[in-house]
Amino acid sequence: FHAPFLPLADKKSLVPALVKALDFLNLKKKDIAKAVDLAWEEQENCKASYRETTKKTVSRLVAEQIPTIVLAGRPYHLDSGINHGIPELITSLGMAVLTEDG
């Protein structure tokens, strides 16, 4: 069983943590660093796209005066098997549902 702590919010600390966690694979630090750089860039692009989509959505909701709820909680609450259909219940009442991410 192998479950190392990986500081995913701290790019500077992530590379050494991955080097240590993946030591048994004999990967080069520069290859891990390159992979982290590429992944970090892609995640930032994804977040930027998500923010832009959210801005457009919120603008439309405001313009159309649609009641909106931000459904905040743990990430696993987005799982339909766990959230007991709360997002669907809210939308069935004519309201829009946004997550805390955007």
PDB file of N, CA and C in Angstrom:
ATOM      1  N   PHE A   1       0.850  -1.178   0.000  1.00  0.00           N
ATOM      2  CA  PHE A   1       0.000   0.000   0.000  1.00  0.00           C
ATOM      3  C   PHE A   1       0.887   1.230   0.000  1.00  0.00           C
ATOM      4  N   HIS A   2       0.613   2.139  -0.921  1.00  0.00           N
ATOM      5  CA  HIS A   2       1.465   3.307  -1.100  1.00  0.00           C
ATOM      6  C   HIS A   2       0.559   4.525  -1.228  1.00  0.00           C
ATOM      7  N   ALA A   3       0.535   5.383  -0.221  1.00  0.00           N
ATOM      8  CA  ALA A   3      -0.335   6.557  -0.245  1.00  0.00           C
ATOM      9  C   ALA A   3       0.409   7.779   0.286  1.00  0.00           C
ATOM     10  N   PRO A   4       1.348   8.309  -0.499  1.00  0.00           N
ATOM     11  CA  PRO A   4       2.116   9.460  -0.027  1.00  0.00           C
ATOM     12  C   PRO A   4       1.281  10.738  -0.042  1.00  0.00           C
ATOM     13  N   PHE A   5       1.644  11.680   0.817  1.00  0.00           N
ATOM     14  CA  PHE A   5       1.016  12.996   0.789  1.00  0.00           C
ATOM     15  C   PHE A   5       1.633  13.782  -0.364  1.00  0.00           C
ATOM     16  N   LEU A   6       0.788  14.347  -1.214  1.00  0.00           N
ATOM     17  CA  LEU A   6       1.258  15.167  -2.326  1.00  0.00           C
ATOM     18  C   LEU A   6       0.658  16.561  -2.188  1.00  0.00           C
ATOM     19  N   PRO A   7       1.497  17.579  -2.019  1.00  0.00           N
ATOM     20  CA  PRO A   7       1.005  18.949  -1.852  1.00  0.00           C
ATOM     21  C   PRO A   7       0.561  19.541  -3.195  1.00  0.00           C
ATOM     22  N   LEU A   8      -0.624  19.179  -3.635  1.00  0.00           N
ATOM     23  CA  LEU A   8      -1.090  19.556  -4.967  1.00  0.00           C
ATOM     24  C   LEU A   8      -1.314  21.054  -5.141  1.00  0.00           C
ATOM     25  N   ALA A   9      -1.437  21.795  -4.059  1.00  0.00           N
ATOM     26  CA  ALA A   9      -1.651  23.237  -4.159  1.00  0.00           C
ATOM     27  C   ALA A   9      -0.338  24.021  -4.162  1.00  0.00           C
ATOM     28  N   ASP A  10       0.780  23.327  -4.006  1.00  0.00           N
ATOM     29  CA  ASP A  10       2.082  23.980  -3.906  1.00  0.00           C
ATOM     30  C   ASP A  10       3.040  23.366  -4.925  1.00  0.00           C
ATOM     31  N   LYS A  11       3.122  24.012  -6.075  1.00  0.00           N
ATOM     32  CA  LYS A  11       3.931  23.475  -7.179  1.00  0.00           C
ATOM     33  C   LYS A  11       5.391  23.267  -6.770  1.00  0.00           C
ATOM     34  N   LYS A  12       5.935  24.201  -6.002  1.00  0.00           N
ATOM     35  CA  LYS A  12       7.341  24.123  -5.608  1.00  0.00           C
ATOM     36  C   LYS A  12       7.617  22.881  -4.753  1.00  0.00           C
ATOM     37  N   SER A  13       6.684  22.526  -3.907  1.00  0.00           N
ATOM     38  CA  SER A  13       6.851  21.358  -3.035  1.00  0.00           C
ATOM     39  C   SER A  13       6.432  20.055  -3.701  1.00  0.00           C
ATOM     40  N   LEU A  14       5.647  20.167  -4.761  1.00  0.00           N
ATOM     41  CA  LEU A  14       5.112  18.968  -5.406  1.00  0.00           C
ATOM     42  C   LEU A  14       6.201  18.129  -6.075  1.00  0.00           C
ATOM     43  N   VAL A  15       7.119  18.769  -6.769  1.00  0.00           N
ATOM     44  CA  VAL A  15       8.156  18.016  -7.486  1.00  0.00           C
ATOM     45  C   VAL A  15       8.982  17.149  -6.531  1.00  0.00           C
ATOM     46  N   PRO A  16       9.551  17.712  -5.450  1.00  0.00           N
ATOM     47  CA  PRO A  16      10.312  16.845  -4.543  1.00  0.00           C
ATOM     48  C   PRO A  16       9.457  15.734  -3.926  1.00  0.00           C
ATOM     49  N   ALA A  17       8.199  16.040  -3.644  1.00  0.00           N
ATOM     50  CA  ALA A  17       7.316  15.018  -3.067  1.00  0.00           C
ATOM     51  C   ALA A  17       7.082  13.886  -4.064  1.00  0.00           C
ATOM     52  N   LEU A  18       6.916  14.237  -5.339  1.00  0.00           N
ATOM     53  CA  LEU A  18       6.730  13.208  -6.370  1.00  0.00           C
ATOM     54  C   LEU A  18       8.010  12.413  -6.601  1.00  0.00           C
ATOM     55  N   VAL A  19       9.141  13.096  -6.585  1.00  0.00           N
ATOM     56  CA  VAL A  19      10.425  12.396  -6.745  1.00  0.00           C
ATOM     57  C   VAL A  19      10.561  11.336  -5.653  1.00  0.00           C
ATOM     58  N   LYS A  20      10.236  11.715  -4.424  1.00  0.00           N
ATOM     59  CA  LYS A  20      10.330  10.779  -3.302  1.00  0.00           C
ATOM     60  C   LYS A  20       9.293   9.660  -3.432  1.00  0.00           C
ATOM     61  N   ALA A  21       8.058  10.026  -3.751  1.00  0.00           N
ATOM     62  CA  ALA A  21       6.974   9.033  -3.825  1.00  0.00           C
ATOM     63  C   ALA A  21       7.164   8.049  -4.971  1.00  0.00           C
ATOM     64  N   LEU A  22       7.777   8.524  -6.061  1.00  0.00           N
ATOM     65  CA  LEU A  22       7.939   7.683  -7.252  1.00  0.00           C
ATOM     66  C   LEU A  22       9.356   7.142  -7.398  1.00  0.00           C
ATOM     67  N   ASP A  23      10.113   7.198  -6.332  1.00  0.00           N
ATOM     68  CA  ASP A  23      11.501   6.741  -6.337  1.00  0.00           C
ATOM     69  C   ASP A  23      11.647   5.332  -6.912  1.00  0.00           C
ATOM     70  N   PHE A  24      10.716   4.460  -6.595  1.00  0.00           N
ATOM     71  CA  PHE A  24      10.790   3.064  -7.040  1.00  0.00           C
ATOM     72  C   PHE A  24      10.661   2.917  -8.562  1.00  0.00           C
ATOM     73  N   LEU A  25      10.249   3.981  -9.255  1.00  0.00           N
ATOM     74  CA  LEU A  25      10.130   3.936 -10.718  1.00  0.00           C
ATOM     75  C   LEU A  25      11.396   4.417 -11.420  1.00  0.00           C
ATOM     76  N   ASN A  26      12.347   4.931 -10.647  1.00  0.00           N
ATOM     77  CA  ASN A  26      13.614   5.430 -11.197  1.00  0.00           C
ATOM     78  C   ASN A  26      13.414   6.519 -12.253  1.00  0.00           C
ATOM     79  N   LEU A  27      12.488   7.416 -11.996  1.00  0.00           N
ATOM     80  CA  LEU A  27      12.249   8.528 -12.915  1.00  0.00           C
ATOM     81  C   LEU A  27      13.234   9.653 -12.622  1.00  0.00           C
ATOM     82  N   LYS A  28      13.579  10.399 -13.662  1.00  0.00           N
ATOM     83  CA  LYS A  28      14.485  11.527 -13.485  1.00  0.00           C
ATOM     84  C   LYS A  28      13.706  12.727 -12.955  1.00  0.00           C
ATOM     85  N   LYS A  29      14.359  13.471 -12.061  1.00  0.00           N
ATOM     86  CA  LYS A  29      13.717  14.647 -11.473  1.00  0.00           C
ATOM     87  C   LYS A  29      13.288  15.628 -12.557  1.00  0.00           C
ATOM     88  N   LYS A  30      14.109  15.804 -13.586  1.00  0.00           N
ATOM     89  CA  LYS A  30      13.763  16.763 -14.641  1.00  0.00           C
ATOM     90  C   LYS A  30      12.518  16.316 -15.405  1.00  0.00           C
ATOM     91  N   ASP A  31      12.327  15.009 -15.561  1.00  0.00           N
ATOM     92  CA  ASP A  31      11.129  14.512 -16.243  1.00  0.00           C
ATOM     93  C   ASP A  31       9.881  14.735 -15.389  1.00  0.00           C
ATOM     94  N   ILE A  32      10.025  14.516 -14.099  1.00  0.00           N
ATOM     95  CA  ILE A  32       8.902  14.761 -13.188  1.00  0.00           C
ATOM     96  C   ILE A  32       8.576  16.250 -13.173  1.00  0.00           C
ATOM     97  N   ALA A  33       9.603  17.090 -13.121  1.00  0.00           N
ATOM     98  CA  ALA A  33       9.392  18.540 -13.106  1.00  0.00           C
ATOM     99  C   ALA A  33       8.698  19.004 -14.382  1.00  0.00           C
ATOM    100  N   LYS A  34       9.096  18.439 -15.512  1.00  0.00           N
ATOM    101  CA  LYS A  34       8.463  18.802 -16.786  1.00  0.00           C
ATOM    102  C   LYS A  34       6.992  18.379 -16.788  1.00  0.00           C
ATOM    103  N   ALA A  35       6.717  17.188 -16.292  1.00  0.00           N
ATOM    104  CA  ALA A  35       5.333  16.704 -16.227  1.00  0.00           C
ATOM    105  C   ALA A  35       4.494  17.591 -15.310  1.00  0.00           C
ATOM    106  N   VAL A  36       5.072  17.999 -14.186  1.00  0.00           N
ATOM    107  CA  VAL A  36       4.358  18.884 -13.262  1.00  0.00           C
ATOM    108  C   VAL A  36       4.088  20.230 -13.928  1.00  0.00           C
ATOM    109  N   ASP A  37       5.076  20.773 -14.637  1.00  0.00           N
ATOM    110  CA  ASP A  37       4.881  22.048 -15.341  1.00  0.00           C
ATOM    111  C   ASP A  37       3.744  21.954 -16.355  1.00  0.00           C
ATOM    112  N   LEU A  38       3.742  20.884 -17.132  1.00  0.00           N
ATOM    113  CA  LEU A  38       2.691  20.703 -18.140  1.00  0.00           C
ATOM    114  C   LEU A  38       1.320  20.532 -17.484  1.00  0.00           C
ATOM    115  N   ALA A  39       1.269  19.751 -16.434  1.00  0.00           N
ATOM    116  CA  ALA A  39       0.001  19.528 -15.733  1.00  0.00           C
ATOM    117  C   ALA A  39      -0.490  20.819 -15.083  1.00  0.00           C
ATOM    118  N   TRP A  40       0.426  21.569 -14.496  1.00  0.00           N
ATOM    119  CA  TRP A  40       0.071  22.822 -13.835  1.00  0.00           C
ATOM    120  C   TRP A  40      -0.515  23.805 -14.847  1.00  0.00           C
ATOM    121  N   GLU A  41       0.155  23.898 -16.004  1.00  0.00           N
ATOM    122  CA  GLU A  41      -0.312  24.800 -17.062  1.00  0.00           C
ATOM    123  C   GLU A  41      -1.709  24.396 -17.539  1.00  0.00           C
ATOM    124  N   GLU A  42      -1.911  23.112 -17.732  1.00  0.00           N
ATOM    125  CA  GLU A  42      -3.216  22.632 -18.182  1.00  0.00           C
ATOM    126  C   GLU A  42      -4.292  22.902 -17.133  1.00  0.00           C
ATOM    127  N   GLN A  43      -3.947  22.717 -15.866  1.00  0.00           N
ATOM    128  CA  GLN A  43      -4.921  22.986 -14.810  1.00  0.00           C
ATOM    129  C   GLN A  43      -5.277  24.471 -14.774  1.00  0.00           C
ATOM    130  N   GLU A  44      -4.290  25.337 -14.937  1.00  0.00           N
ATOM    131  CA  GLU A  44      -4.560  26.777 -14.961  1.00  0.00           C
ATOM    132  C   GLU A  44      -5.443  27.140 -16.155  1.00  0.00           C
ATOM    133  N   ASN A  45      -5.178  26.533 -17.315  1.00  0.00           N
ATOM    134  CA  ASN A  45      -6.020  26.775 -18.492  1.00  0.00           C
ATOM    135  C   ASN A  45      -7.451  26.326 -18.235  1.00  0.00           C
ATOM    136  N   CYS A  46      -7.576  25.188 -17.603  1.00  0.00           N
ATOM    137  CA  CYS A  46      -8.894  24.635 -17.287  1.00  0.00           C
ATOM    138  C   CYS A  46      -9.640  25.554 -16.317  1.00  0.00           C
ATOM    139  N   LYS A  47      -8.949  26.027 -15.286  1.00  0.00           N
ATOM    140  CA  LYS A  47      -9.569  26.930 -14.317  1.00  0.00           C
ATOM    141  C   LYS A  47     -10.004  28.235 -14.986  1.00  0.00           C
ATOM    142  N   ALA A  48      -9.159  28.767 -15.865  1.00  0.00           N
ATOM    143  CA  ALA A  48      -9.491  30.011 -16.563  1.00  0.00           C
ATOM    144  C   ALA A  48     -10.722  29.820 -17.441  1.00  0.00           C
ATOM    145  N   SER A  49     -10.784  28.705 -18.134  1.00  0.00           N
ATOM    146  CA  SER A  49     -11.939  28.401 -18.974  1.00  0.00           C
ATOM    147  C   SER A  49     -13.201  28.266 -18.125  1.00  0.00           C
ATOM    148  N   TYR A  50     -13.065  27.604 -16.994  1.00  0.00           N
ATOM    149  CA  TYR A  50     -14.199  27.413 -16.089  1.00  0.00           C
ATOM    150  C   TYR A  50     -14.689  28.753 -15.546  1.00  0.00           C
ATOM    151  N   ARG A  51     -13.747  29.628 -15.161  1.00  0.00           N
ATOM    152  CA  ARG A  51     -14.126  30.959 -14.666  1.00  0.00           C
ATOM    153  C   ARG A  51     -14.862  31.751 -15.739  1.00  0.00           C
ATOM    154  N   GLU A  52     -14.377  31.688 -16.968  1.00  0.00           N
ATOM    155  CA  GLU A  52     -15.010  32.418 -18.067  1.00  0.00           C
ATOM    156  C   GLU A  52     -16.420  31.901 -18.319  1.00  0.00           C
ATOM    157  N   THR A  53     -16.572  30.592 -18.331  1.00  0.00           N
ATOM    158  CA  THR A  53     -17.894  29.998 -18.520  1.00  0.00           C
ATOM    159  C   THR A  53     -18.827  30.406 -17.383  1.00  0.00           C
ATOM    160  N   THR A  54     -18.311  30.415 -16.166  1.00  0.00           N
ATOM    161  CA  THR A  54     -19.117  30.801 -15.006  1.00  0.00           C
ATOM    162  C   THR A  54     -19.555  32.256 -15.108  1.00  0.00           C
ATOM    163  N   LYS A  55     -18.653  33.142 -15.525  1.00  0.00           N
ATOM    164  CA  LYS A  55     -19.014  34.558 -15.687  1.00  0.00           C
ATOM    165  C   LYS A  55     -20.155  34.712 -16.684  1.00  0.00           C
ATOM    166  N   LYS A  56     -20.058  34.018 -17.806  1.00  0.00           N
ATOM    167  CA  LYS A  56     -21.114  34.088 -18.820  1.00  0.00           C
ATOM    168  C   LYS A  56     -22.427  33.542 -18.268  1.00  0.00           C
ATOM    169  N   THR A  57     -22.339  32.446 -17.538  1.00  0.00           N
ATOM    170  CA  THR A  57     -23.537  31.830 -16.964  1.00  0.00           C
ATOM    171  C   THR A  57     -24.190  32.761 -15.953  1.00  0.00           C
ATOM    172  N   VAL A  58     -23.396  33.337 -15.058  1.00  0.00           N
ATOM    173  CA  VAL A  58     -23.938  34.243 -14.046  1.00  0.00           C
ATOM    174  C   VAL A  58     -24.554  35.473 -14.712  1.00  0.00           C
ATOM    175  N   SER A  59     -23.908  36.009 -15.735  1.00  0.00           N
ATOM    176  CA  SER A  59     -24.464  37.157 -16.459  1.00  0.00           C
ATOM    177  C   SER A  59     -25.828  36.821 -17.042  1.00  0.00           C
ATOM    178  N   ARG A  60     -25.939  35.636 -17.620  1.00  0.00           N
ATOM    179  CA  ARG A  60     -27.224  35.214 -18.195  1.00  0.00           C
ATOM    180  C   ARG A  60     -28.272  35.034 -17.102  1.00  0.00           C
ATOM    181  N   LEU A  61     -27.883  34.422 -16.000  1.00  0.00           N
ATOM    182  CA  LEU A  61     -28.822  34.208 -14.898  1.00  0.00           C
ATOM    183  C   LEU A  61     -29.320  35.533 -14.328  1.00  0.00           C
ATOM    184  N   VAL A  62     -28.430  36.505 -14.202  1.00  0.00           N
ATOM    185  CA  VAL A  62     -28.812  37.830 -13.709  1.00  0.00           C
ATOM    186  C   VAL A  62     -29.732  38.511 -14.716  1.00  0.00           C
ATOM    187  N   ALA A  63     -29.349  38.482 -15.992  1.00  0.00           N
ATOM    188  CA  ALA A  63     -30.152  39.132 -17.034  1.00  0.00           C
ATOM    189  C   ALA A  63     -31.558  38.543 -17.113  1.00  0.00           C
ATOM    190  N   GLU A  64     -31.651  37.235 -16.944  1.00  0.00           N
ATOM    191  CA  GLU A  64     -32.952  36.561 -17.026  1.00  0.00           C
ATOM    192  C   GLU A  64     -33.645  36.466 -15.665  1.00  0.00           C
ATOM    193  N   GLN A  65     -33.017  37.034 -14.646  1.00  0.00           N
ATOM    194  CA  GLN A  65     -33.551  37.052 -13.277  1.00  0.00           C
ATOM    195  C   GLN A  65     -33.950  35.656 -12.788  1.00  0.00           C
ATOM    196  N   ILE A  66     -33.050  34.713 -13.013  1.00  0.00           N
ATOM    197  CA  ILE A  66     -33.274  33.336 -12.570  1.00  0.00           C
ATOM    198  C   ILE A  66     -32.690  33.182 -11.165  1.00  0.00           C
ATOM    199  N   PRO A  67     -33.516  32.776 -10.195  1.00  0.00           N
ATOM    200  CA  PRO A  67     -32.984  32.549  -8.848  1.00  0.00           C
ATOM    201  C   PRO A  67     -31.869  31.503  -8.899  1.00  0.00           C
ATOM    202  N   THR A  68     -30.815  31.766  -8.159  1.00  0.00           N
ATOM    203  CA  THR A  68     -29.631  30.907  -8.227  1.00  0.00           C
ATOM    204  C   THR A  68     -29.127  30.582  -6.826  1.00  0.00           C
ATOM    205  N   ILE A  69     -28.687  29.354  -6.672  1.00  0.00           N
ATOM    206  CA  ILE A  69     -28.125  28.895  -5.402  1.00  0.00           C
ATOM    207  C   ILE A  69     -26.708  28.395  -5.660  1.00  0.00           C
ATOM    208  N   VAL A  70     -25.782  28.781  -4.785  1.00  0.00           N
ATOM    209  CA  VAL A  70     -24.437  28.209  -4.822  1.00  0.00           C
ATOM    210  C   VAL A  70     -24.452  27.028  -3.857  1.00  0.00           C
ATOM    211  N   LEU A  71     -24.265  25.851  -4.407  1.00  0.00           N
ATOM    212  CA  LEU A  71     -24.278  24.627  -3.610  1.00  0.00           C
ATOM    213  C   LEU A  71     -22.843  24.331  -3.185  1.00  0.00           C
ATOM    214  N   ALA A  72     -22.548  24.591  -1.924  1.00  0.00           N
ATOM    215  CA  ALA A  72     -21.185  24.434  -1.416  1.00  0.00           C
ATOM    216  C   ALA A  72     -21.105  23.225  -0.489  1.00  0.00           C
ATOM    217  N   GLY A  73     -19.992  22.564  -0.538  1.00  0.00           N
ATOM    218  CA  GLY A  73     -19.779  21.406   0.316  1.00  0.00           C
ATOM    219  C   GLY A  73     -18.489  20.721  -0.055  1.00  0.00           C
ATOM    220  N   ARG A  74     -18.339  19.521   0.350  1.00  0.00           N
ATOM    221  CA  ARG A  74     -17.158  18.731   0.016  1.00  0.00           C
ATOM    222  C   ARG A  74     -17.214  18.327  -1.453  1.00  0.00           C
ATOM    223  N   PRO A  75     -16.061  18.158  -2.100  1.00  0.00           N
ATOM    224  CA  PRO A  75     -16.059  17.784  -3.518  1.00  0.00           C
ATOM    225  C   PRO A  75     -16.882  16.537  -3.825  1.00  0.00           C
ATOM    226  N   TYR A  76     -16.896  15.579  -2.912  1.00  0.00           N
ATOM    227  CA  TYR A  76     -17.646  14.358  -3.181  1.00  0.00           C
ATOM    228  C   TYR A  76     -19.155  14.596  -3.172  1.00  0.00           C
ATOM    229  N   HIS A  77     -19.605  15.754  -2.674  1.00  0.00           N
ATOM    230  CA  HIS A  77     -21.033  16.050  -2.706  1.00  0.00           C
ATOM    231  C   HIS A  77     -21.536  16.254  -4.132  1.00  0.00           C
ATOM    232  N   LEU A  78     -20.621  16.416  -5.083  1.00  0.00           N
ATOM    233  CA  LEU A  78     -21.018  16.518  -6.487  1.00  0.00           C
ATOM    234  C   LEU A  78     -21.425  15.162  -7.046  1.00  0.00           C
ATOM    235  N   ASP A  79     -21.081  14.104  -6.351  1.00  0.00           N
ATOM    236  CA  ASP A  79     -21.412  12.740  -6.768  1.00  0.00           C
ATOM    237  C   ASP A  79     -22.900  12.492  -6.537  1.00  0.00           C
ATOM    238  N   SER A  80     -23.605  12.135  -7.606  1.00  0.00           N
ATOM    239  CA  SER A  80     -25.057  11.941  -7.501  1.00  0.00           C
ATOM    240  C   SER A  80     -25.432  10.809  -6.556  1.00  0.00           C
ATOM    241  N   GLY A  81     -24.526   9.899  -6.308  1.00  0.00           N
ATOM    242  CA  GLY A  81     -24.805   8.821  -5.373  1.00  0.00           C
ATOM    243  C   GLY A  81     -24.721   9.254  -3.924  1.00  0.00           C
ATOM    244  N   ILE A  82     -24.157  10.422  -3.693  1.00  0.00           N
ATOM    245  CA  ILE A  82     -23.964  10.912  -2.330  1.00  0.00           C
ATOM    246  C   ILE A  82     -24.864  12.111  -2.016  1.00  0.00           C
ATOM    247  N   ASN A  83     -25.137  12.937  -3.017  1.00  0.00           N
ATOM    248  CA  ASN A  83     -25.830  14.199  -2.732  1.00  0.00           C
ATOM    249  C   ASN A  83     -27.353  14.088  -2.661  1.00  0.00           C
ATOM    250  N   HIS A  84     -27.871  12.879  -2.773  1.00  0.00           N
ATOM    251  CA  HIS A  84     -29.307  12.625  -2.606  1.00  0.00           C
ATOM    252  C   HIS A  84     -30.182  13.416  -3.578  1.00  0.00           C
ATOM    253  N   GLY A  85     -29.628  13.813  -4.726  1.00  0.00           N
ATOM    254  CA  GLY A  85     -30.429  14.504  -5.733  1.00  0.00           C
ATOM    255  C   GLY A  85     -30.755  15.948  -5.400  1.00  0.00           C
ATOM    256  N   ILE A  86     -30.007  16.540  -4.485  1.00  0.00           N
ATOM    257  CA  ILE A  86     -30.282  17.925  -4.092  1.00  0.00           C
ATOM    258  C   ILE A  86     -30.178  18.892  -5.274  1.00  0.00           C
ATOM    259  N   PRO A  87     -29.135  18.800  -6.133  1.00  0.00           N
ATOM    260  CA  PRO A  87     -29.089  19.721  -7.278  1.00  0.00           C
ATOM    261  C   PRO A  87     -30.322  19.585  -8.179  1.00  0.00           C
ATOM    262  N   GLU A  88     -30.753  18.355  -8.417  1.00  0.00           N
ATOM    263  CA  GLU A  88     -31.919  18.129  -9.266  1.00  0.00           C
ATOM    264  C   GLU A  88     -33.188  18.673  -8.614  1.00  0.00           C
ATOM    265  N   LEU A  89     -33.304  18.517  -7.315  1.00  0.00           N
ATOM    266  CA  LEU A  89     -34.458  19.046  -6.582  1.00  0.00           C
ATOM    267  C   LEU A  89     -34.515  20.561  -6.717  1.00  0.00           C
ATOM    268  N   ILE A  90     -33.367  21.209  -6.549  1.00  0.00           N
ATOM    269  CA  ILE A  90     -33.309  22.670  -6.647  1.00  0.00           C
ATOM    270  C   ILE A  90     -33.690  23.127  -8.050  1.00  0.00           C
ATOM    271  N   THR A  91     -33.142  22.479  -9.074  1.00  0.00           N
ATOM    272  CA  THR A  91     -33.477  22.884 -10.447  1.00  0.00           C
ATOM    273  C   THR A  91     -34.937  22.589 -10.770  1.00  0.00           C
ATOM    274  N   SER A  92     -35.506  21.555 -10.168  1.00  0.00           N
ATOM    275  CA  SER A  92     -36.926  21.263 -10.416  1.00  0.00           C
ATOM    276  C   SER A  92     -37.825  22.359  -9.848  1.00  0.00           C
ATOM    277  N   LEU A  93     -37.290  23.156  -8.928  1.00  0.00           N
ATOM    278  CA  LEU A  93     -38.034  24.274  -8.352  1.00  0.00           C
ATOM    279  C   LEU A  93     -37.823  25.562  -9.144  1.00  0.00           C
ATOM    280  N   GLY A  94     -37.142  25.446 -10.299  1.00  0.00           N
ATOM    281  CA  GLY A  94     -36.946  26.599 -11.174  1.00  0.00           C
ATOM    282  C   GLY A  94     -35.749  27.457 -10.843  1.00  0.00           C
ATOM    283  N   MET A  95     -34.851  26.929 -10.039  1.00  0.00           N
ATOM    284  CA  MET A  95     -33.651  27.682  -9.684  1.00  0.00           C
ATOM    285  C   MET A  95     -32.427  27.060 -10.351  1.00  0.00           C
ATOM    286  N   ALA A  96     -31.428  27.902 -10.575  1.00  0.00           N
ATOM    287  CA  ALA A  96     -30.163  27.418 -11.121  1.00  0.00           C
ATOM    288  C   ALA A  96     -29.249  27.022  -9.966  1.00  0.00           C
ATOM    289  N   VAL A  97     -28.367  26.075 -10.219  1.00  0.00           N
ATOM    290  CA  VAL A  97     -27.414  25.619  -9.206  1.00  0.00           C
ATOM    291  C   VAL A  97     -25.995  25.849  -9.720  1.00  0.00           C
ATOM    292  N   LEU A  98     -25.215  26.556  -8.930  1.00  0.00           N
ATOM    293  CA  LEU A  98     -23.789  26.722  -9.210  1.00  0.00           C
ATOM    294  C   LEU A  98     -23.021  26.029  -8.098  1.00  0.00           C
ATOM    295  N   THR A  99     -21.834  25.534  -8.428  1.00  0.00           N
ATOM    296  CA  THR A  99     -20.989  24.959  -7.386  1.00  0.00           C
ATOM    297  C   THR A  99     -20.095  26.050  -6.823  1.00  0.00           C
ATOM    298  N   GLU A 100     -19.460  25.772  -5.709  1.00  0.00           N
ATOM    299  CA  GLU A 100     -18.587  26.760  -5.084  1.00  0.00           C
ATOM    300  C   GLU A 100     -17.358  27.067  -5.937  1.00  0.00           C
ATOM    301  N   ASP A 101     -17.052  26.201  -6.889  1.00  0.00           N
ATOM    302  CA  ASP A 101     -15.893  26.428  -7.758  1.00  0.00           C
ATOM    303  C   ASP A 101     -16.144  27.519  -8.781  1.00  0.00           C
ATOM    304  N   GLY A 102     -17.398  27.802  -9.028  1.00  0.00           N
ATOM    305  CA  GLY A 102     -17.647  28.815 -10.034  1.00  0.00           C
ATOM    306  C   GLY A 102     -19.064  29.045 -10.347  1.00  0.00           C
TER     307      GLY A 102
END
